């Protein structure tokens, strides 16, 4: 019996989901076929179904992997001072916005989550984990005297998320430079919580 290499298995799943995410962003979930994904990922249909039973399962896996990426980054953030950890996480959450094609995927998430309770719960859970983790870092930064925090840590974390969401929302504007505006976002957040300008 052939043993499965867990690292290679995870890498293959990531390759499939990364490929599919690009297609979903470009063509939309409904118009992207399994054949499209297989062709772009250079795998057979049988190989794809070895990893995912349905196209929707691939779509959901994008957000499972997103949660895993966030957890790894929060672990790194906790190795820094609390406020530096907050800024690291904000930068991490903004990274996908540097790819303009992500705007299409954001629209697909909204459309698909409204008709897929499992996806809705998954995305909502991811958002809650990020909010709670950010709130914890913000509270630590306040307790360490790094920020003033004029509102509760949870409220500040919610607004940090709203700022990041706003960045994604502007990707439909061809004149909007997300790379440049990440620094503006950091500045707004810093002033909001009474931290030194980044």
Protein backbone atom coordinates (compact mmCIF):
# COMPACT_ATOMS: atom_id res chain seq x y z
CA UNK A 1 0.00 0.00 0.00
CA UNK A 2 1.40 3.38 -1.04
CA UNK A 3 1.95 5.84 1.78
CA UNK A 4 0.98 9.48 1.36
CA UNK A 5 3.61 12.13 1.92
CA UNK A 6 1.68 14.73 3.99
CA UNK A 7 3.92 17.59 2.84
CA UNK A 8 3.50 16.78 -0.85
CA UNK A 9 -0.21 16.19 -0.32
CA UNK A 10 -0.60 19.63 1.28
CA UNK A 11 1.49 21.26 -1.47
CA UNK A 12 -0.70 19.69 -4.17
CA UNK A 13 -3.88 20.84 -2.45
CA UNK A 14 -2.43 24.34 -2.19
CA UNK A 15 -1.49 24.30 -5.88
CA UNK A 16 -5.03 23.32 -6.84
CA UNK A 17 -6.69 25.93 -4.62
CA UNK A 18 -4.30 28.71 -5.69
CA UNK A 19 -4.99 27.88 -9.33
CA UNK A 20 -8.73 27.70 -8.76
CA UNK A 21 -8.77 30.97 -6.80
CA UNK A 22 -7.26 32.76 -9.78
CA UNK A 23 -9.91 31.31 -12.08
CA UNK A 24 -12.75 32.07 -9.66
CA UNK A 25 -11.49 35.68 -9.45
CA UNK A 26 -11.27 35.99 -13.23
CA UNK A 27 -14.32 34.04 -14.43
CA UNK A 28 -16.49 33.64 -11.35
CA UNK A 29 -17.36 30.46 -9.49
CA UNK A 30 -20.27 29.39 -11.70
CA UNK A 31 -18.44 29.92 -15.01
CA UNK A 32 -15.27 28.15 -13.87
CA UNK A 33 -15.48 24.43 -14.66
CA UNK A 34 -13.60 21.51 -13.14
CA UNK A 35 -12.02 21.06 -16.58
CA UNK A 36 -10.78 24.67 -16.44
CA UNK A 37 -9.15 24.04 -13.06
CA UNK A 38 -7.56 20.78 -14.20
CA UNK A 39 -6.20 22.38 -17.35
CA UNK A 40 -4.75 25.38 -15.50
CA UNK A 41 -3.32 23.23 -12.67
CA UNK A 42 -1.99 20.66 -15.19
CA UNK A 43 -3.65 17.71 -13.47
CA UNK A 44 -6.18 15.07 -14.48
CA UNK A 45 -9.79 15.13 -13.36
CA UNK A 46 -9.20 11.92 -11.40
CA UNK A 47 -6.26 13.52 -9.61
CA UNK A 48 -8.32 16.58 -8.68
CA UNK A 49 -11.15 14.45 -7.27
CA UNK A 50 -8.59 12.59 -5.19
CA UNK A 51 -8.09 15.86 -3.30
CA UNK A 52 -11.54 17.47 -3.55
CA UNK A 53 -14.94 15.83 -4.06
CA UNK A 54 -16.53 18.92 -5.66
CA UNK A 55 -15.71 22.32 -7.09
CA UNK A 56 -17.42 23.92 -4.10
CA UNK A 57 -15.11 21.99 -1.78
CA UNK A 58 -12.17 23.64 -3.56
CA UNK A 59 -13.74 27.06 -3.02
CA UNK A 60 -14.23 26.38 0.69
CA UNK A 61 -10.66 25.09 1.04
CA UNK A 62 -9.36 28.52 -0.01
CA UNK A 63 -10.69 29.87 3.29
CA UNK A 64 -9.52 26.88 5.33
CA UNK A 65 -6.02 27.61 4.06
CA UNK A 66 -6.52 31.31 4.70
CA UNK A 67 -7.27 30.54 8.35
CA UNK A 68 -4.13 28.39 8.57
CA UNK A 69 -2.02 31.19 7.05
CA UNK A 70 -3.46 33.68 9.53
CA UNK A 71 -2.73 31.36 12.47
CA UNK A 72 0.90 31.01 11.37
CA UNK A 73 1.26 34.77 11.02
CA UNK A 74 -0.31 35.44 14.42
CA UNK A 75 2.26 33.08 15.91
CA UNK A 76 5.00 35.23 14.35
CA UNK A 77 3.27 38.40 15.51
CA UNK A 78 3.36 37.20 19.11
CA UNK A 79 7.13 36.97 18.92
CA UNK A 80 7.28 40.76 18.41
CA UNK A 81 6.26 43.62 20.65
CA UNK A 82 2.42 43.80 20.72
CA UNK A 83 2.10 46.92 18.54
CA UNK A 84 4.64 45.62 16.01
CA UNK A 85 2.60 42.41 16.01
CA UNK A 86 -0.55 44.37 15.16
CA UNK A 87 1.20 46.10 12.25
CA UNK A 88 2.59 42.78 11.01
CA UNK A 89 -0.92 41.30 10.98
CA UNK A 90 -2.41 44.33 9.24
CA UNK A 91 0.24 44.08 6.54
CA UNK A 92 -0.42 40.34 6.21
CA UNK A 93 -4.18 40.85 5.87
CA UNK A 94 -3.58 43.47 3.18
CA UNK A 95 -1.22 41.36 1.04
CA UNK A 96 -3.94 39.81 -1.18
CA UNK A 97 -5.17 43.31 -2.07
CA UNK A 98 -1.84 43.97 -3.80
CA UNK A 99 -3.11 41.64 -6.55
CA UNK A 100 -5.88 43.55 -8.33
CA UNK A 101 -7.49 40.34 -9.61
CA UNK A 102 -8.46 39.53 -6.00
CA UNK A 103 -11.36 41.99 -6.37
CA UNK A 104 -13.17 39.36 -8.41
CA UNK A 105 -12.66 36.74 -5.72
CA UNK A 106 -13.99 39.09 -3.04
CA UNK A 107 -17.20 39.52 -5.05
CA UNK A 108 -17.47 35.75 -5.46
CA UNK A 109 -17.11 35.20 -1.71
CA UNK A 110 -20.06 37.51 -1.05
CA UNK A 111 -22.15 35.86 -3.75
CA UNK A 112 -21.34 32.26 -2.79
CA UNK A 113 -21.49 32.71 1.00
CA UNK A 114 -25.05 34.01 0.69
CA UNK A 115 -26.16 30.64 -0.72
CA UNK A 116 -23.73 28.30 1.04
CA UNK A 117 -24.28 28.11 4.84
CA UNK A 118 -21.08 26.12 5.36
CA UNK A 119 -19.00 28.74 3.54
CA UNK A 120 -20.82 31.54 5.40
CA UNK A 121 -19.95 29.92 8.73
CA UNK A 122 -16.34 29.32 7.67
CA UNK A 123 -15.76 32.91 6.53
CA UNK A 124 -17.50 34.27 9.62
CA UNK A 125 -15.42 32.08 11.91
CA UNK A 126 -12.22 33.23 10.20
CA UNK A 127 -13.25 36.85 10.67
CA UNK A 128 -14.02 36.30 14.35
CA UNK A 129 -10.68 34.60 15.00
CA UNK A 130 -8.80 37.48 13.34
CA UNK A 131 -10.82 40.04 15.32
CA UNK A 132 -10.22 38.27 18.63
CA UNK A 133 -6.49 37.81 17.98
CA UNK A 134 -6.08 41.44 16.90
CA UNK A 135 -8.01 42.58 19.97
CA UNK A 136 -5.69 40.57 22.20
CA UNK A 137 -2.59 42.13 20.60
CA UNK A 138 -4.12 45.61 20.86
CA UNK A 139 -4.94 45.09 24.53
CA UNK A 140 -1.38 43.92 25.16
CA UNK A 141 -0.04 46.98 23.33
CA UNK A 142 -2.23 49.19 25.52
CA UNK A 143 -1.16 47.44 28.72
CA UNK A 144 2.48 47.88 27.67
CA UNK A 145 1.92 51.63 27.18
CA UNK A 146 2.50 51.46 23.42
CA UNK A 147 -0.93 52.79 22.42
CA UNK A 148 -3.67 54.87 24.05
CA UNK A 149 -6.61 52.76 22.80
CA UNK A 150 -9.52 55.24 23.16
CA UNK A 151 -12.10 52.47 22.64
CA UNK A 152 -12.25 48.81 23.65
CA UNK A 153 -9.67 46.52 22.09
CA UNK A 154 -12.44 44.55 20.38
CA UNK A 155 -13.92 47.71 18.85
CA UNK A 156 -10.48 48.81 17.64
CA UNK A 157 -9.90 45.36 16.14
CA UNK A 158 -13.26 45.54 14.34
CA UNK A 159 -12.32 48.90 12.84
CA UNK A 160 -8.91 47.57 11.81
CA UNK A 161 -10.74 44.84 9.92
CA UNK A 162 -13.08 47.40 8.40
CA UNK A 163 -10.11 49.41 7.13
CA UNK A 164 -8.64 46.30 5.52
CA UNK A 165 -12.02 45.42 3.98
CA UNK A 166 -12.21 48.97 2.62
CA UNK A 167 -8.87 48.46 0.89
CA UNK A 168 -10.27 45.42 -0.92
CA UNK A 169 -13.41 47.32 -1.81
CA UNK A 170 -11.42 49.96 -3.68
CA UNK A 171 -9.71 47.47 -6.01
CA UNK A 172 -12.40 48.07 -8.62
CA UNK A 173 -11.00 51.61 -9.05
CA UNK A 174 -8.20 51.39 -11.67
CA UNK A 175 -6.57 54.52 -10.21
CA UNK A 176 -6.36 53.06 -6.70
CA UNK A 177 -2.83 51.99 -5.77
CA UNK A 178 -3.25 49.43 -3.00
CA UNK A 179 0.49 49.21 -2.35
CA UNK A 180 0.66 52.93 -1.63
CA UNK A 181 -2.56 52.95 0.39
CA UNK A 182 -1.44 50.22 2.81
CA UNK A 183 0.81 52.86 4.38
CA UNK A 184 -2.15 55.22 4.62
CA UNK A 185 -4.15 52.48 6.31
CA UNK A 186 -1.34 51.94 8.84
CA UNK A 187 -1.26 55.68 9.52
CA UNK A 188 -5.04 55.88 10.06
CA UNK A 189 -4.97 52.94 12.44
CA UNK A 190 -1.98 54.31 14.33
CA UNK A 191 -3.66 57.67 14.88
CA UNK A 192 -6.91 56.00 15.88
CA UNK A 193 -5.29 54.01 18.69
CA UNK A 194 -2.80 56.71 19.68
CA UNK A 195 0.34 54.97 18.46
CA UNK A 196 3.40 56.66 16.96
CA UNK A 197 3.09 57.09 13.19
CA UNK A 198 4.57 54.05 11.38
